[in-house]
Amino acid sequence: EFFIRPDIKSPVYYQYAAGANGKFEAMRYFATGSQDKTFRSKASCNVSNGDSCYWVEMRIPASEIGLDKFKPGMTAAGNFLRRTFHLVTDRHKFS
């Protein structure tokens, strides 16, 4: 899972998520909890499974998230998150 806010002066941010099963989702938010239901991503995602791991490759067009207009001195914010599912407690845990 990857979150990016291309312009820290704007509340708009994007979320891209992929699972080991190949499921891929992309969302845009106007503010925390305010999802843009009209957003249609042009990003692509490929997942490869190994014996004890998996690899995720996401290709996100710079223009989709406004980074095509990024200039020196501008600041973007982002973070990566790995979510695992705990089978015993039936809850997600983050690491």
Protein backbone atom coordinates (compact mmCIF):
# COMPACT_ATOMS: atom_id res chain seq x y z
CA GLU A 1 0.00 0.00 0.00
CA PHE A 2 1.36 3.39 -0.98
CA PHE A 3 0.02 6.85 -0.12
CA ILE A 4 1.15 10.05 -1.80
CA ARG A 5 0.19 13.68 -1.35
CA PRO A 6 1.82 15.35 -4.36
CA ASP A 7 1.46 18.85 -2.91
CA ILE A 8 1.65 19.22 0.86
CA LYS A 9 -0.25 22.52 0.55
CA SER A 10 -3.28 20.64 -0.79
CA PRO A 11 -5.41 18.09 1.11
CA VAL A 12 -5.68 15.86 -2.01
CA TYR A 13 -3.90 12.52 -1.71
CA TYR A 14 -3.83 9.14 -3.46
CA GLN A 15 -3.78 5.56 -2.23
CA TYR A 16 -2.51 2.61 -4.28
CA ALA A 17 -2.76 -0.91 -2.88
CA ALA A 18 -1.86 -4.36 -4.15
CA GLY A 19 -2.14 -7.82 -2.65
CA ALA A 20 -0.14 -11.00 -3.20
CA ASN A 21 -3.18 -12.33 -5.06
CA GLY A 22 -2.79 -9.57 -7.68
CA LYS A 23 -5.75 -7.47 -6.56
CA PHE A 24 -5.04 -3.79 -7.19
CA GLU A 25 -6.91 -0.68 -6.08
CA ALA A 26 -6.28 3.02 -6.62
CA MET A 27 -8.16 5.83 -4.90
CA ARG A 28 -8.06 9.62 -4.69
CA TYR A 29 -9.19 11.56 -1.62
CA PHE A 30 -10.05 15.24 -1.34
CA ALA A 31 -9.37 15.06 2.42
CA THR A 32 -9.14 12.31 5.01
CA GLY A 33 -12.19 10.08 4.58
CA SER A 34 -13.50 12.01 1.55
CA GLN A 35 -12.98 9.62 -1.37
CA ASP A 36 -13.42 10.83 -4.95
CA LYS A 37 -15.82 8.20 -6.34
CA THR A 38 -15.29 9.48 -9.91
CA PHE A 39 -11.52 8.78 -9.92
CA ARG A 40 -10.41 6.22 -12.52
CA SER A 41 -6.73 5.36 -12.33
CA LYS A 42 -4.58 4.64 -15.34
CA ALA A 43 -1.96 2.97 -13.12
CA SER A 44 -0.96 -0.63 -13.67
CA CYS A 45 0.26 -3.26 -11.27
CA ASN A 46 2.09 -6.57 -11.64
CA VAL A 47 2.56 -9.06 -8.82
CA SER A 48 5.07 -11.92 -8.90
CA ASN A 49 5.02 -14.65 -6.27
CA GLY A 50 8.18 -16.36 -5.04
CA ASP A 51 8.58 -19.29 -2.63
CA SER A 52 8.61 -17.11 0.48
CA CYS A 53 7.84 -13.60 -0.80
CA TYR A 54 6.18 -11.58 -3.50
CA TRP A 55 7.13 -8.55 -5.58
CA VAL A 56 4.86 -5.70 -6.55
CA GLU A 57 5.55 -3.32 -9.41
CA MET A 58 3.22 -0.34 -9.73
CA ARG A 59 3.38 2.05 -12.66
CA ILE A 60 1.61 5.30 -11.84
CA PRO A 61 1.52 8.00 -14.53
CA ALA A 62 3.13 11.18 -13.19
CA SER A 63 0.27 13.19 -14.70
CA GLU A 64 -2.29 11.15 -12.71
CA ILE A 65 -0.96 12.46 -9.41
CA GLY A 66 0.25 15.87 -10.57
CA LEU A 67 3.96 15.09 -10.46
CA ASP A 68 4.33 16.07 -14.11
CA LYS A 69 4.08 19.68 -12.85
CA PHE A 70 6.52 19.15 -9.98
CA LYS A 71 9.18 21.88 -9.80
CA PRO A 72 12.34 22.38 -7.74
CA GLY A 73 11.44 23.55 -4.24
CA MET A 74 8.06 21.81 -4.17
CA THR A 75 7.49 19.13 -1.53
CA ALA A 76 5.45 15.95 -1.82
CA ALA A 77 4.70 13.54 1.01
CA GLY A 78 4.19 9.81 0.90
CA ASN A 79 4.53 6.56 2.76
CA PHE A 80 4.56 2.83 2.16
CA LEU A 81 2.63 0.45 4.32
CA ARG A 82 2.64 -3.32 4.49
CA ARG A 83 -0.54 -4.82 5.87
CA THR A 84 -0.73 -8.43 6.98
CA PHE A 85 -3.79 -10.34 8.07
CA HIS A 86 -3.61 -12.11 11.40
CA LEU A 87 -5.55 -15.38 11.04
CA VAL A 88 -5.99 -16.01 14.77
CA THR A 89 -7.44 -12.64 15.82
CA ASP A 90 -9.12 -11.96 12.44
CA ARG A 91 -7.64 -8.41 12.41
CA HIS A 92 -5.20 -6.53 10.27
CA LYS A 93 -1.87 -5.70 11.77
CA PHE A 94 0.61 -3.22 10.38
CA SER A 95 4.36 -3.52 10.21
